C-alpha cells in the first residue's frame, strides 16, 4: 500500500512537471501541424469558405520546378553543412581530448564561441569578410591568383558562402558533444591497445569510432534538423 501511494505520488509529480511543457507543445506545435495537413486538401483564401480539392495542391506542388529547385538547394546545403561540421567536430574533439596538449581549455572556448554568437551579428561579420573588394576572404584568395569573387551576389557562390558560415557556426557544438562522449570511453581500452602495439589511428578506428556511434548518430540527427531551421543567415 505504501509503495502504491509512493508510485502514485511520483507519477503525479512527474505529470505535474511535464504537463505544462507538453500542453504548450500540443497547442503551438502539434495542433497547427494537424490543422495545416487538413487544410492542405482544401482551396481557401481565408475569406471565402473552404473548397475541397483533394490532392490538387500536392499535384501542383510536385509539378512545380521551383519546388524541386528548392529541394535540391536544401539537399546540397544539408550535405555541405552536416557532414563537414560533424567530421571536423569529431577530429577537434579527438585532438582536444589528448592529455598532453596544452591550452585545451582555451582552444575549447575559442571553438565554442561561434555557437554562442548571435547569428545576426555573425551574418554582419561574415558580410564584411565576404565583401568583394575589401573582404579578408577575397584578399587571401587573391594571394593564390583567385580574384573578384562576389560571394553574396553571385548565385554560383552564394550557397557555398552560406555553407561555410553554417559549418563555422556548428563545429563547436558538435565538438562539445563528442568531447562528452569521449569522456565515457574507459581509458583501459586504450591502454590495452597500446600494450598490443596499436597505432593512434588503429585506436581511433577500432575503439573511438565504434564506442562513439550513439553520440555520432545523435549529432547527425541534431544537425540534420538544424539545417531546416536556417533563416537569419539567409
Protein backbone atom coordinates (compact mmCIF):
# COMPACT_ATOMS: atom_id res chain seq x y z
CA UNK A 1 0.00 0.00 0.00
CA UNK A 2 2.80 2.38 0.90
CA UNK A 3 4.63 1.53 -2.33
CA UNK A 4 1.45 2.14 -4.32
CA UNK A 5 0.99 5.55 -2.73
CA UNK A 6 4.63 6.41 -3.36
CA UNK A 7 4.36 5.40 -7.01
CA UNK A 8 1.14 7.37 -7.37
CA UNK A 9 2.76 10.43 -5.81
CA UNK A 10 5.82 10.09 -8.04
CA UNK A 11 3.64 9.69 -11.13
CA UNK A 12 1.58 12.73 -10.16
CA UNK A 13 4.73 14.78 -9.58
CA UNK A 14 6.13 13.68 -12.93
CA UNK A 15 2.98 14.55 -14.85
CA UNK A 16 2.63 17.85 -13.00
CA UNK A 17 6.16 18.73 -14.09
CA UNK A 18 5.77 17.62 -17.70
CA UNK A 19 2.18 18.72 -18.33
CA UNK A 20 2.80 22.50 -18.75
CA UNK A 21 5.52 22.00 -21.37
CA UNK A 22 3.54 19.22 -23.05
CA UNK A 23 0.45 21.46 -23.21
CA UNK A 24 2.44 24.24 -24.87
CA UNK A 25 3.85 21.78 -27.42
CA UNK A 26 0.43 20.38 -28.23
CA UNK A 27 -1.15 23.82 -28.65
CA UNK A 28 1.61 25.54 -30.59
CA UNK A 29 3.23 22.64 -32.50
CA UNK A 30 1.11 19.52 -32.91
CA UNK A 31 -2.34 21.07 -33.35
CA UNK A 32 -1.09 23.55 -36.01
CA UNK A 33 0.59 20.65 -37.84
CA UNK A 34 -2.64 18.64 -37.88
CA UNK A 35 -4.61 21.72 -38.97
CA UNK A 36 -2.13 22.52 -41.75
CA UNK A 37 -2.34 18.94 -43.04
CA UNK A 38 -6.14 19.12 -43.02
CA UNK A 39 -6.24 22.48 -44.81
CA UNK A 40 -3.83 21.20 -47.49
CA UNK A 41 -6.75 19.27 -49.02
CA UNK A 42 -8.79 22.45 -49.49
CA UNK A 43 -8.65 25.62 -51.54
CA UNK A 44 -9.00 28.53 -49.13
CA UNK A 45 -8.06 32.20 -49.24
CA UNK A 46 -9.16 32.77 -45.60
CA UNK A 47 -12.07 34.94 -46.82
CA UNK A 48 -14.31 32.61 -48.78
CA UNK A 49 -15.41 29.23 -47.44
CA UNK A 50 -13.01 26.33 -47.89
CA UNK A 51 -13.50 24.18 -51.00
CA UNK A 52 -12.32 20.57 -51.01
CA UNK A 53 -9.84 19.90 -53.84
CA UNK A 54 -8.33 16.58 -52.80
CA UNK A 55 -4.71 16.14 -53.84
CA UNK A 56 -4.66 19.05 -56.31
CA UNK A 57 -2.44 21.17 -54.06
CA UNK A 58 0.09 18.34 -53.81
CA UNK A 59 -0.04 17.75 -57.57
CA UNK A 60 0.72 21.43 -58.19
CA UNK A 61 3.49 21.34 -55.60
CA UNK A 62 5.27 18.29 -57.01
CA UNK A 63 4.91 19.52 -60.59
CA UNK A 64 6.46 22.91 -59.75
CA UNK A 65 10.04 23.47 -60.92
CA UNK A 66 10.56 25.93 -58.06
CA UNK A 67 9.75 23.23 -55.53
CA UNK A 68 12.31 20.78 -56.91
CA UNK A 69 14.89 23.54 -57.22
CA UNK A 70 14.33 24.42 -53.56
CA UNK A 71 14.64 20.75 -52.60
CA UNK A 72 17.92 20.39 -54.48
CA UNK A 73 19.34 23.53 -52.87
CA UNK A 74 18.22 22.31 -49.45
CA UNK A 75 19.80 18.91 -50.08
CA UNK A 76 23.11 20.47 -51.10
CA UNK A 77 23.05 22.72 -48.05
CA UNK A 78 22.32 19.81 -45.70
CA UNK A 79 25.07 17.67 -47.21
CA UNK A 80 27.51 20.57 -47.24
CA UNK A 81 26.95 21.57 -43.62
CA UNK A 82 26.14 18.36 -41.75
CA UNK A 83 28.97 16.13 -42.97
CA UNK A 84 31.87 18.65 -42.66
CA UNK A 85 30.69 20.01 -39.31
CA UNK A 86 30.37 16.51 -37.84
CA UNK A 87 33.71 15.30 -39.21
CA UNK A 88 35.62 18.43 -38.17
CA UNK A 89 33.91 18.50 -34.77
CA UNK A 90 34.88 14.87 -34.19
CA UNK A 91 38.51 15.45 -35.18
CA UNK A 92 38.77 18.54 -32.97
CA UNK A 93 37.25 16.66 -30.04
CA UNK A 94 39.71 13.80 -30.52
CA UNK A 95 42.65 16.23 -30.61
CA UNK A 96 41.48 18.26 -27.62
CA UNK A 97 40.94 15.07 -25.64
CA UNK A 98 44.67 14.29 -25.73
CA UNK A 99 46.00 14.99 -22.25
CA UNK A 100 49.49 16.20 -23.20
CA UNK A 101 48.16 19.03 -25.39
CA UNK A 102 48.50 22.33 -23.52
CA UNK A 103 45.82 25.00 -23.51
CA UNK A 104 42.99 22.59 -24.22
CA UNK A 105 40.52 24.68 -22.22
CA UNK A 106 41.41 27.79 -24.21
CA UNK A 107 41.01 26.03 -27.54
CA UNK A 108 37.68 24.55 -26.50
CA UNK A 109 36.43 28.01 -25.57
CA UNK A 110 37.64 29.53 -28.84
CA UNK A 111 35.97 26.85 -30.94
CA UNK A 112 32.73 27.19 -28.96
CA UNK A 113 32.48 30.98 -29.33
CA UNK A 114 30.72 30.76 -32.75
CA UNK A 115 27.97 28.66 -31.15
CA UNK A 116 27.03 31.34 -28.64
CA UNK A 117 27.50 34.19 -31.11
CA UNK A 118 24.26 35.78 -32.27
CA UNK A 119 23.52 34.73 -35.85
CA UNK A 120 22.58 38.31 -36.68
CA UNK A 121 25.99 39.52 -35.51
CA UNK A 122 27.72 36.61 -37.25
CA UNK A 123 25.92 37.45 -40.50
CA UNK A 124 27.20 41.04 -40.32
CA UNK A 125 30.77 39.86 -39.63
CA UNK A 126 30.71 37.35 -42.46
CA UNK A 127 29.20 40.00 -44.72
CA UNK A 128 32.34 42.07 -44.14
CA UNK A 129 34.57 39.04 -44.69
CA UNK A 130 32.80 38.24 -47.97
CA UNK A 131 32.93 41.85 -49.22
CA UNK A 132 34.16 41.60 -52.85
CA UNK A 133 36.65 44.47 -52.80
CA UNK A 134 37.96 44.69 -49.23
CA UNK A 135 36.95 41.40 -47.58
CA UNK A 136 39.55 39.16 -46.00
CA UNK A 137 38.30 36.07 -47.83
CA UNK A 138 38.95 37.58 -51.26
CA UNK A 139 42.24 39.02 -50.04
CA UNK A 140 43.61 35.61 -49.11
CA UNK A 141 42.23 34.08 -52.30
CA UNK A 142 43.95 36.79 -54.34
CA UNK A 143 47.27 35.59 -52.93
CA UNK A 144 46.80 32.33 -54.85
CA UNK A 145 45.51 34.00 -58.00
CA UNK A 146 41.74 33.87 -57.39
CA UNK A 147 40.20 37.32 -57.77
CA UNK A 148 36.89 39.17 -57.66
CA UNK A 149 34.51 36.55 -56.28
CA UNK A 150 31.14 38.06 -55.42
CA UNK A 151 30.23 35.67 -52.66
CA UNK A 152 26.81 37.05 -51.76
CA UNK A 153 25.54 38.36 -55.10
CA UNK A 154 26.70 35.63 -57.48
CA UNK A 155 24.35 32.60 -57.44
CA UNK A 156 27.31 30.33 -58.16
CA UNK A 157 28.96 31.19 -54.84
CA UNK A 158 26.17 32.36 -52.52
CA UNK A 159 25.20 28.83 -51.47
CA UNK A 160 28.84 27.96 -50.79
CA UNK A 161 29.13 31.12 -48.68
CA UNK A 162 26.14 30.04 -46.58
CA UNK A 163 27.55 26.53 -46.19
CA UNK A 164 30.86 27.90 -44.89
CA UNK A 165 29.03 30.05 -42.34
CA UNK A 166 26.88 27.09 -41.30
CA UNK A 167 29.89 24.83 -40.77
CA UNK A 168 31.71 27.55 -38.82
CA UNK A 169 28.66 28.02 -36.60
CA UNK A 170 28.16 24.33 -35.79
CA UNK A 171 31.65 22.91 -35.31
CA UNK A 172 31.93 23.98 -31.67
CA UNK A 173 28.58 22.46 -30.71
CA UNK A 174 29.49 19.13 -32.29
CA UNK A 175 32.93 19.24 -30.67
CA UNK A 176 31.43 19.60 -27.18
CA UNK A 177 29.05 16.68 -27.74
CA UNK A 178 31.88 14.48 -28.98
CA UNK A 179 34.07 15.52 -26.05
CA UNK A 180 31.30 14.44 -23.68
CA UNK A 181 31.08 11.13 -25.50
CA UNK A 182 34.84 10.62 -25.33
CA UNK A 183 34.78 11.03 -21.55
CA UNK A 184 32.57 7.94 -21.29
CA UNK A 185 35.11 5.66 -23.01
CA UNK A 186 37.20 3.82 -20.40
CA UNK A 187 40.92 4.57 -20.69
CA UNK A 188 41.69 0.91 -20.03
CA UNK A 189 40.65 0.14 -23.61
CA UNK A 190 43.34 2.45 -24.97
CA UNK A 191 45.91 1.12 -22.51
CA UNK A 192 45.21 -2.45 -23.60
CA UNK A 193 45.50 -1.40 -27.25
CA UNK A 194 48.86 0.25 -26.57
CA UNK A 195 50.13 -2.95 -24.99
CA UNK A 196 49.14 -4.78 -28.18
CA UNK A 197 51.09 -2.22 -30.22
CA UNK A 198 48.13 -0.40 -31.77
CA UNK A 199 48.85 2.87 -33.57
CA UNK A 200 46.87 6.05 -32.78
CA UNK A 201 44.89 5.57 -36.00
CA UNK A 202 44.06 1.96 -35.11
CA UNK A 203 42.88 3.02 -31.65
CA UNK A 204 40.74 5.76 -33.16
CA UNK A 205 39.27 3.43 -35.78
CA UNK A 206 38.76 0.37 -33.59
CA UNK A 207 37.90 1.93 -30.21
CA UNK A 208 36.85 5.56 -30.50
CA UNK A 209 34.59 5.42 -33.55
CA UNK A 210 32.58 2.31 -32.54
CA UNK A 211 32.05 3.48 -28.96
CA UNK A 212 31.10 6.97 -30.17
CA UNK A 213 28.47 5.67 -32.60
CA UNK A 214 25.48 6.65 -30.37
CA UNK A 215 26.88 10.17 -29.98
CA UNK A 216 27.64 10.38 -33.70
CA UNK A 217 24.09 9.36 -34.59
CA UNK A 218 22.67 11.95 -32.19
CA UNK A 219 24.91 14.69 -33.63
CA UNK A 220 23.90 13.79 -37.20
CA UNK A 221 20.20 13.93 -36.31
CA UNK A 222 20.55 17.25 -34.49
CA UNK A 223 22.48 18.83 -37.35
CA UNK A 224 20.06 17.45 -39.93
CA UNK A 225 17.17 19.08 -38.08
CA UNK A 226 19.12 22.33 -37.65
CA UNK A 227 19.71 22.51 -41.41
CA UNK A 228 15.98 23.08 -41.92
CA UNK A 229 15.94 25.99 -39.47
CA UNK A 230 18.26 28.43 -41.22
CA UNK A 231 16.66 31.86 -41.53
CA UNK A 232 18.83 34.67 -40.17
CA UNK A 233 21.97 33.95 -42.20
CA UNK A 234 19.94 33.58 -45.40
